[in-house]
Amino acid sequence: RLVGVDRALEILWTGDTYTAEEAKQIGLITHVVPD
């Protein structure tokens, strides 16, 4: 519902780790701010 079916399956099937900025780009995170 957040990233679409294909991207969701890729995230689940690979178990890859994403940075905050990468997660924001694919729709997992709304805002990224300095620590």
ModelCIF file with pLDDT and N, C-alpha, C, O atoms, coordinates in Angstrom:
data_MODEL
#
_entry.id   MODEL 
#
_entity.id                         1 
_entity.type                       polymer 
_entity.pdbx_number_of_molecules   1 
#
_entity_poly.entity_id                      1 
_entity_poly.type                           'polypeptide(L)' 
_entity_poly.nstd_linkage                   no 
_entity_poly.nstd_monomer                   no 
_entity_poly.pdbx_seq_one_letter_code       RLVGVDRALEILWTGDTYTAEEAKQIGLITHVVPD 
_entity_poly.pdbx_seq_one_letter_code_can   RLVGVDRALEILWTGDTYTAEEAKQIGLITHVVPD 
_entity_poly.pdbx_strand_id                 A 
#
loop_
_entity_poly_seq.entity_id 
_entity_poly_seq.num 
_entity_poly_seq.mon_id 
_entity_poly_seq.hetero 
1 1  ARG n 
1 2  LEU n 
1 3  VAL n 
1 4  GLY n 
1 5  VAL n 
1 6  ASP n 
1 7  ARG n 
1 8  ALA n 
1 9  LEU n 
1 10 GLU n 
1 11 ILE n 
1 12 LEU n 
1 13 TRP n 
1 14 THR n 
1 15 GLY n 
1 16 ASP n 
1 17 THR n 
1 18 TYR n 
1 19 THR n 
1 20 ALA n 
1 21 GLU n 
1 22 GLU n 
1 23 ALA n 
1 24 LYS n 
1 25 GLN n 
1 26 ILE n 
1 27 GLY n 
1 28 LEU n 
1 29 ILE n 
1 30 THR n 
1 31 HIS n 
1 32 VAL n 
1 33 VAL n 
1 34 PRO n 
1 35 ASP n 
#
_struct_asym.id          A 
_struct_asym.entity_id   1 
#
loop_
_ma_qa_metric.id 
_ma_qa_metric.mode 
_ma_qa_metric.name 
_ma_qa_metric.software_group_id 
_ma_qa_metric.type 
1 global pLDDT . pLDDT 
2 local  pLDDT . pLDDT 
#
_ma_qa_metric_global.metric_id      1 
_ma_qa_metric_global.metric_value   97.57 
_ma_qa_metric_global.model_id       1 
_ma_qa_metric_global.ordinal_id     1 
#
loop_
_ma_qa_metric_local.label_asym_id 
_ma_qa_metric_local.label_comp_id 
_ma_qa_metric_local.label_seq_id 
_ma_qa_metric_local.metric_id 
_ma_qa_metric_local.metric_value 
_ma_qa_metric_local.model_id 
_ma_qa_metric_local.ordinal_id 
A ARG 1  2 96.00 1 1  
A LEU 2  2 96.00 1 2  
A VAL 3  2 97.00 1 3  
A GLY 4  2 97.00 1 4  
A VAL 5  2 97.00 1 5  
A ASP 6  2 98.00 1 6  
A ARG 7  2 97.00 1 7  
A ALA 8  2 98.00 1 8  
A LEU 9  2 98.00 1 9  
A GLU 10 2 98.00 1 10 
A ILE 11 2 98.00 1 11 
A LEU 12 2 97.00 1 12 
A TRP 13 2 98.00 1 13 
A THR 14 2 98.00 1 14 
A GLY 15 2 97.00 1 15 
A ASP 16 2 97.00 1 16 
A THR 17 2 98.00 1 17 
A TYR 18 2 98.00 1 18 
A THR 19 2 98.00 1 19 
A ALA 20 2 98.00 1 20 
A GLU 21 2 98.00 1 21 
A GLU 22 2 98.00 1 22 
A ALA 23 2 98.00 1 23 
A LYS 24 2 98.00 1 24 
A GLN 25 2 98.00 1 25 
A ILE 26 2 97.00 1 26 
A GLY 27 2 96.00 1 27 
A LEU 28 2 97.00 1 28 
A ILE 29 2 98.00 1 29 
A THR 30 2 98.00 1 30 
A HIS 31 2 98.00 1 31 
A VAL 32 2 98.00 1 32 
A VAL 33 2 98.00 1 33 
A PRO 34 2 98.00 1 34 
A ASP 35 2 98.00 1 35 
#
loop_
_atom_site.group_PDB 
_atom_site.id 
_atom_site.type_symbol 
_atom_site.label_atom_id 
_atom_site.label_alt_id 
_atom_site.label_comp_id 
_atom_site.label_asym_id 
_atom_site.label_entity_id 
_atom_site.label_seq_id 
_atom_site.pdbx_PDB_ins_code 
_atom_site.Cartn_x 
_atom_site.Cartn_y 
_atom_site.Cartn_z 
_atom_site.occupancy 
_atom_site.B_iso_or_equiv 
_atom_site.pdbx_formal_charge 
_atom_site.auth_seq_id 
_atom_site.auth_comp_id 
_atom_site.auth_asym_id 
_atom_site.auth_atom_id 
_atom_site.pdbx_PDB_model_num 
ATOM 1   N N  . ARG A 1 1  ? 0.828  -1.213  0.000  1.00 96.00 ? 1  ARG A N  1 
ATOM 2   C CA . ARG A 1 1  ? 0.000  0.000   0.000  1.00 96.00 ? 1  ARG A CA 1 
ATOM 3   C C  . ARG A 1 1  ? 0.855  1.253   0.000  1.00 96.00 ? 1  ARG A C  1 
ATOM 4   O O  . ARG A 1 1  ? 0.389  2.322   -0.392 1.00 96.00 ? 1  ARG A O  1 
ATOM 5   N N  . LEU A 1 2  ? 2.095  1.135   0.433  1.00 96.00 ? 2  LEU A N  1 
ATOM 6   C CA . LEU A 1 2  ? 2.997  2.283   0.460  1.00 96.00 ? 2  LEU A CA 1 
ATOM 7   C C  . LEU A 1 2  ? 3.910  2.355   -0.760 1.00 96.00 ? 2  LEU A C  1 
ATOM 8   O O  . LEU A 1 2  ? 4.185  3.443   -1.267 1.00 96.00 ? 2  LEU A O  1 
ATOM 9   N N  . VAL A 1 3  ? 4.380  1.200   -1.231 1.00 97.00 ? 3  VAL A N  1 
ATOM 10  C CA . VAL A 1 3  ? 5.407  1.223   -2.281 1.00 97.00 ? 3  VAL A CA 1 
ATOM 11  C C  . VAL A 1 3  ? 5.013  0.463   -3.536 1.00 97.00 ? 3  VAL A C  1 
ATOM 12  O O  . VAL A 1 3  ? 5.778  0.449   -4.501 1.00 97.00 ? 3  VAL A O  1 
ATOM 13  N N  . GLY A 1 4  ? 3.836  -0.173  -3.557 1.00 97.00 ? 4  GLY A N  1 
ATOM 14  C CA . GLY A 1 4  ? 3.422  -0.961  -4.704 1.00 97.00 ? 4  GLY A CA 1 
ATOM 15  C C  . GLY A 1 4  ? 3.796  -2.423  -4.549 1.00 97.00 ? 4  GLY A C  1 
ATOM 16  O O  . GLY A 1 4  ? 4.674  -2.766  -3.758 1.00 97.00 ? 4  GLY A O  1 
ATOM 17  N N  . VAL A 1 5  ? 3.135  -3.277  -5.299 1.00 97.00 ? 5  VAL A N  1 
ATOM 18  C CA . VAL A 1 5  ? 3.307  -4.722  -5.154 1.00 97.00 ? 5  VAL A CA 1 
ATOM 19  C C  . VAL A 1 5  ? 4.719  -5.169  -5.532 1.00 97.00 ? 5  VAL A C  1 
ATOM 20  O O  . VAL A 1 5  ? 5.350  -5.920  -4.787 1.00 97.00 ? 5  VAL A O  1 
ATOM 21  N N  . ASP A 1 6  ? 5.218  -4.713  -6.682 1.00 98.00 ? 6  ASP A N  1 
ATOM 22  C CA . ASP A 1 6  ? 6.526  -5.196  -7.130 1.00 98.00 ? 6  ASP A CA 1 
ATOM 23  C C  . ASP A 1 6  ? 7.637  -4.802  -6.172 1.00 98.00 ? 6  ASP A C  1 
ATOM 24  O O  . ASP A 1 6  ? 8.490  -5.621  -5.831 1.00 98.00 ? 6  ASP A O  1 
ATOM 25  N N  . ARG A 1 7  ? 7.625  -3.550  -5.740 1.00 97.00 ? 7  ARG A N  1 
ATOM 26  C CA . ARG A 1 7  ? 8.657  -3.084  -4.811 1.00 97.00 ? 7  ARG A CA 1 
ATOM 27  C C  . ARG A 1 7  ? 8.532  -3.784  -3.461 1.00 97.00 ? 7  ARG A C  1 
ATOM 28  O O  . ARG A 1 7  ? 9.539  -4.119  -2.838 1.00 97.00 ? 7  ARG A O  1 
ATOM 29  N N  . ALA A 1 8  ? 7.294  -4.005  -3.009 1.00 98.00 ? 8  ALA A N  1 
ATOM 30  C CA . ALA A 1 8  ? 7.091  -4.697  -1.733 1.00 98.00 ? 8  ALA A CA 1 
ATOM 31  C C  . ALA A 1 8  ? 7.678  -6.103  -1.776 1.00 98.00 ? 8  ALA A C  1 
ATOM 32  O O  . ALA A 1 8  ? 8.354  -6.530  -0.840 1.00 98.00 ? 8  ALA A O  1 
ATOM 33  N N  . LEU A 1 9  ? 7.419  -6.811  -2.853 1.00 98.00 ? 9  LEU A N  1 
ATOM 34  C CA . LEU A 1 9  ? 7.955  -8.164  -2.972 1.00 98.00 ? 9  LEU A CA 1 
ATOM 35  C C  . LEU A 1 9  ? 9.477  -8.153  -3.038 1.00 98.00 ? 9  LEU A C  1 
ATOM 36  O O  . LEU A 1 9  ? 10.129 -9.019  -2.455 1.00 98.00 ? 9  LEU A O  1 
ATOM 37  N N  . GLU A 1 10 ? 10.039 -7.194  -3.734 1.00 98.00 ? 10 GLU A N  1 
ATOM 38  C CA . GLU A 1 10 ? 11.494 -7.098  -3.806 1.00 98.00 ? 10 GLU A CA 1 
ATOM 39  C C  . GLU A 1 10 ? 12.086 -6.857  -2.421 1.00 98.00 ? 10 GLU A C  1 
ATOM 40  O O  . GLU A 1 10 ? 13.070 -7.493  -2.044 1.00 98.00 ? 10 GLU A O  1 
ATOM 41  N N  . ILE A 1 11 ? 11.487 -5.943  -1.666 1.00 98.00 ? 11 ILE A N  1 
ATOM 42  C CA . ILE A 1 11 ? 11.974 -5.634  -0.321 1.00 98.00 ? 11 ILE A CA 1 
ATOM 43  C C  . ILE A 1 11 ? 11.904 -6.870  0.571  1.00 98.00 ? 11 ILE A C  1 
ATOM 44  O O  . ILE A 1 11 ? 12.830 -7.144  1.335  1.00 98.00 ? 11 ILE A O  1 
ATOM 45  N N  . LEU A 1 12 ? 10.799 -7.617  0.469  1.00 97.00 ? 12 LEU A N  1 
ATOM 46  C CA . LEU A 1 12 ? 10.624 -8.812  1.297  1.00 97.00 ? 12 LEU A CA 1 
ATOM 47  C C  . LEU A 1 12 ? 11.528 -9.951  0.838  1.00 97.00 ? 12 LEU A C  1 
ATOM 48  O O  . LEU A 1 12 ? 12.132 -10.629 1.669  1.00 97.00 ? 12 LEU A O  1 
ATOM 49  N N  . TRP A 1 13 ? 11.628 -10.172 -0.471 1.00 98.00 ? 13 TRP A N  1 
ATOM 50  C CA . TRP A 1 13 ? 12.389 -11.306 -0.995 1.00 98.00 ? 13 TRP A CA 1 
ATOM 51  C C  . TRP A 1 13 ? 13.896 -11.135 -0.816 1.00 98.00 ? 13 TRP A C  1 
ATOM 52  O O  . TRP A 1 13 ? 14.608 -12.122 -0.630 1.00 98.00 ? 13 TRP A O  1 
ATOM 53  N N  . THR A 1 14 ? 14.392 -9.901  -0.868 1.00 98.00 ? 14 THR A N  1 
ATOM 54  C CA . THR A 1 14 ? 15.833 -9.684  -0.745 1.00 98.00 ? 14 THR A CA 1 
ATOM 55  C C  . THR A 1 14 ? 16.277 -9.449  0.695  1.00 98.00 ? 14 THR A C  1 
ATOM 56  O O  . THR A 1 14 ? 17.385 -9.827  1.075  1.00 98.00 ? 14 THR A O  1 
ATOM 57  N N  . GLY A 1 15 ? 15.409 -8.823  1.499  1.00 97.00 ? 15 GLY A N  1 
ATOM 58  C CA . GLY A 1 15 ? 15.804 -8.454  2.856  1.00 97.00 ? 15 GLY A CA 1 
ATOM 59  C C  . GLY A 1 15 ? 16.861 -7.372  2.888  1.00 97.00 ? 15 GLY A C  1 
ATOM 60  O O  . GLY A 1 15 ? 17.543 -7.201  3.899  1.00 97.00 ? 15 GLY A O  1 
ATOM 61  N N  . ASP A 1 16 ? 17.011 -6.627  1.781  1.00 97.00 ? 16 ASP A N  1 
ATOM 62  C CA . ASP A 1 16 ? 18.047 -5.601  1.688  1.00 97.00 ? 16 ASP A CA 1 
ATOM 63  C C  . ASP A 1 16 ? 17.846 -4.495  2.722  1.00 97.00 ? 16 ASP A C  1 
ATOM 64  O O  . ASP A 1 16 ? 16.727 -4.218  3.152  1.00 97.00 ? 16 ASP A O  1 
ATOM 65  N N  . THR A 1 17 ? 18.952 -3.876  3.107  1.00 98.00 ? 17 THR A N  1 
ATOM 66  C CA . THR A 1 17 ? 18.936 -2.738  4.022  1.00 98.00 ? 17 THR A CA 1 
ATOM 67  C C  . THR A 1 17 ? 18.961 -1.437  3.226  1.00 98.00 ? 17 THR A C  1 
ATOM 68  O O  . THR A 1 17 ? 19.680 -1.319  2.234  1.00 98.00 ? 17 THR A O  1 
ATOM 69  N N  . TYR A 1 18 ? 18.163 -0.458  3.673  1.00 98.00 ? 18 TYR A N  1 
ATOM 70  C CA . TYR A 1 18 ? 18.071 0.843   3.005  1.00 98.00 ? 18 TYR A CA 1 
ATOM 71  C C  . TYR A 1 18 ? 18.457 1.952   3.977  1.00 98.00 ? 18 TYR A C  1 
ATOM 72  O O  . TYR A 1 18 ? 18.133 1.889   5.163  1.00 98.00 ? 18 TYR A O  1 
ATOM 73  N N  . THR A 1 19 ? 19.143 2.957   3.472  1.00 98.00 ? 19 THR A N  1 
ATOM 74  C CA . THR A 1 19 ? 19.370 4.159   4.263  1.00 98.00 ? 19 THR A CA 1 
ATOM 75  C C  . THR A 1 19 ? 18.054 4.923   4.390  1.00 98.00 ? 19 THR A C  1 
ATOM 76  O O  . THR A 1 19 ? 17.083 4.630   3.693  1.00 98.00 ? 19 THR A O  1 
ATOM 77  N N  . ALA A 1 20 ? 18.038 5.892   5.278  1.00 98.00 ? 20 ALA A N  1 
ATOM 78  C CA . ALA A 1 20 ? 16.836 6.697   5.448  1.00 98.00 ? 20 ALA A CA 1 
ATOM 79  C C  . ALA A 1 20 ? 16.455 7.396   4.151  1.00 98.00 ? 20 ALA A C  1 
ATOM 80  O O  . ALA A 1 20 ? 15.281 7.430   3.781  1.00 98.00 ? 20 ALA A O  1 
ATOM 81  N N  . GLU A 1 21 ? 17.444 7.953   3.461  1.00 98.00 ? 21 GLU A N  1 
ATOM 82  C CA . GLU A 1 21 ? 17.177 8.666   2.212  1.00 98.00 ? 21 GLU A CA 1 
ATOM 83  C C  . GLU A 1 21 ? 16.647 7.706   1.143  1.00 98.00 ? 21 GLU A C  1 
ATOM 84  O O  . GLU A 1 21 ? 15.724 8.047   0.402  1.00 98.00 ? 21 GLU A O  1 
ATOM 85  N N  . GLU A 1 22 ? 17.229 6.516   1.066  1.00 98.00 ? 22 GLU A N  1 
ATOM 86  C CA . GLU A 1 22 ? 16.747 5.537   0.092  1.00 98.00 ? 22 GLU A CA 1 
ATOM 87  C C  . GLU A 1 22 ? 15.318 5.114   0.419  1.00 98.00 ? 22 GLU A C  1 
ATOM 88  O O  . GLU A 1 22 ? 14.486 4.950   -0.473 1.00 98.00 ? 22 GLU A O  1 
ATOM 89  N N  . ALA A 1 23 ? 15.048 4.941   1.701  1.00 98.00 ? 23 ALA A N  1 
ATOM 90  C CA . ALA A 1 23 ? 13.701 4.550   2.117  1.00 98.00 ? 23 ALA A CA 1 
ATOM 91  C C  . ALA A 1 23 ? 12.689 5.648   1.796  1.00 98.00 ? 23 ALA A C  1 
ATOM 92  O O  . ALA A 1 23 ? 11.550 5.362   1.430  1.00 98.00 ? 23 ALA A O  1 
ATOM 93  N N  . LYS A 1 24 ? 13.109 6.896   1.936  1.00 98.00 ? 24 LYS A N  1 
ATOM 94  C CA . LYS A 1 24 ? 12.228 8.015   1.595  1.00 98.00 ? 24 LYS A CA 1 
ATOM 95  C C  . LYS A 1 24 ? 11.931 8.031   0.096  1.00 98.00 ? 24 LYS A C  1 
ATOM 96  O O  . LYS A 1 24 ? 10.798 8.294   -0.308 1.00 98.00 ? 24 LYS A O  1 
ATOM 97  N N  . GLN A 1 25 ? 12.917 7.759   -0.711 1.00 98.00 ? 25 GLN A N  1 
ATOM 98  C CA . GLN A 1 25 ? 12.740 7.795   -2.161 1.00 98.00 ? 25 GLN A CA 1 
ATOM 99  C C  . GLN A 1 25 ? 11.738 6.752   -2.650 1.00 98.00 ? 25 GLN A C  1 
ATOM 100 O O  . GLN A 1 25 ? 11.055 6.975   -3.650 1.00 98.00 ? 25 GLN A O  1 
ATOM 101 N N  . ILE A 1 26 ? 11.643 5.624   -1.962 1.00 97.00 ? 26 ILE A N  1 
ATOM 102 C CA . ILE A 1 26 ? 10.707 4.586   -2.399 1.00 97.00 ? 26 ILE A CA 1 
ATOM 103 C C  . ILE A 1 26 ? 9.384  4.631   -1.644 1.00 97.00 ? 26 ILE A C  1 
ATOM 104 O O  . ILE A 1 26 ? 8.514  3.792   -1.877 1.00 97.00 ? 26 ILE A O  1 
ATOM 105 N N  . GLY A 1 27 ? 9.221  5.596   -0.744 1.00 96.00 ? 27 GLY A N  1 
ATOM 106 C CA . GLY A 1 27 ? 7.930  5.789   -0.097 1.00 96.00 ? 27 GLY A CA 1 
ATOM 107 C C  . GLY A 1 27 ? 7.760  5.163   1.271  1.00 96.00 ? 27 GLY A C  1 
ATOM 108 O O  . GLY A 1 27 ? 6.649  5.149   1.802  1.00 96.00 ? 27 GLY A O  1 
ATOM 109 N N  . LEU A 1 28 ? 8.835  4.642   1.861  1.00 97.00 ? 28 LEU A N  1 
ATOM 110 C CA . LEU A 1 28 ? 8.733  4.046   3.191  1.00 97.00 ? 28 LEU A CA 1 
ATOM 111 C C  . LEU A 1 28 ? 8.767  5.094   4.297  1.00 97.00 ? 28 LEU A C  1 
ATOM 112 O O  . LEU A 1 28 ? 8.190  4.891   5.365  1.00 97.00 ? 28 LEU A O  1 
ATOM 113 N N  . ILE A 1 29 ? 9.435  6.203   4.047  1.00 98.00 ? 29 ILE A N  1 
ATOM 114 C CA . ILE A 1 29 ? 9.615  7.259   5.050  1.00 98.00 ? 29 ILE A CA 1 
ATOM 115 C C  . ILE A 1 29 ? 9.105  8.575   4.477  1.00 98.00 ? 29 ILE A C  1 
ATOM 116 O O  . ILE A 1 29 ? 9.262  8.857   3.289  1.00 98.00 ? 29 ILE A O  1 
ATOM 117 N N  . THR A 1 30 ? 8.490  9.378   5.351  1.00 98.00 ? 30 THR A N  1 
ATOM 118 C CA . THR A 1 30 ? 7.899  10.650  4.912  1.00 98.00 ? 30 THR A CA 1 
ATOM 119 C C  . THR A 1 30 ? 8.912  11.785  4.915  1.00 98.00 ? 30 THR A C  1 
ATOM 120 O O  . THR A 1 30 ? 9.023  12.527  3.938  1.00 98.00 ? 30 THR A O  1 
ATOM 121 N N  . HIS A 1 31 ? 9.652  11.922  6.014  1.00 98.00 ? 31 HIS A N  1 
ATOM 122 C CA . HIS A 1 31 ? 10.646 12.993  6.148  1.00 98.00 ? 31 HIS A CA 1 
ATOM 123 C C  . HIS A 1 31 ? 11.943 12.407  6.701  1.00 98.00 ? 31 HIS A C  1 
ATOM 124 O O  . HIS A 1 31 ? 11.920 11.523  7.557  1.00 98.00 ? 31 HIS A O  1 
ATOM 125 N N  . VAL A 1 32 ? 13.070 12.910  6.203  1.00 98.00 ? 32 VAL A N  1 
ATOM 126 C CA . VAL A 1 32 ? 14.385 12.588  6.755  1.00 98.00 ? 32 VAL A CA 1 
ATOM 127 C C  . VAL A 1 32 ? 15.030 13.892  7.196  1.00 98.00 ? 32 VAL A C  1 
ATOM 128 O O  . VAL A 1 32 ? 15.064 14.863  6.439  1.00 98.00 ? 32 VAL A O  1 
ATOM 129 N N  . VAL A 1 33 ? 15.545 13.914  8.430  1.00 98.00 ? 33 VAL A N  1 
ATOM 130 C CA . VAL A 1 33 ? 16.146 15.138  8.966  1.00 98.00 ? 33 VAL A CA 1 
ATOM 131 C C  . VAL A 1 33 ? 17.508 14.794  9.568  1.00 98.00 ? 33 VAL A C  1 
ATOM 132 O O  . VAL A 1 33 ? 17.745 13.644  9.937  1.00 98.00 ? 33 VAL A O  1 
ATOM 133 N N  . PRO A 1 34 ? 18.401 15.771  9.669  1.00 98.00 ? 34 PRO A N  1 
ATOM 134 C CA . PRO A 1 34 ? 19.691 15.517  10.324 1.00 98.00 ? 34 PRO A CA 1 
ATOM 135 C C  . PRO A 1 34 ? 19.485 14.947  11.729 1.00 98.00 ? 34 PRO A C  1 
ATOM 136 O O  . PRO A 1 34 ? 18.526 15.301  12.414 1.00 98.00 ? 34 PRO A O  1 
ATOM 137 N N  . ASP A 1 35 ? 20.378 14.078  12.143 1.00 98.00 ? 35 ASP A N  1 
ATOM 138 C CA . ASP A 1 35 ? 20.230 13.394  13.424 1.00 98.00 ? 35 ASP A CA 1 
ATOM 139 C C  . ASP A 1 35 ? 19.945 14.353  14.575 1.00 98.00 ? 35 ASP A C  1 
ATOM 140 O O  . ASP A 1 35 ? 19.797 13.920  15.717 1.00 98.00 ? 35 ASP A O  1 
#
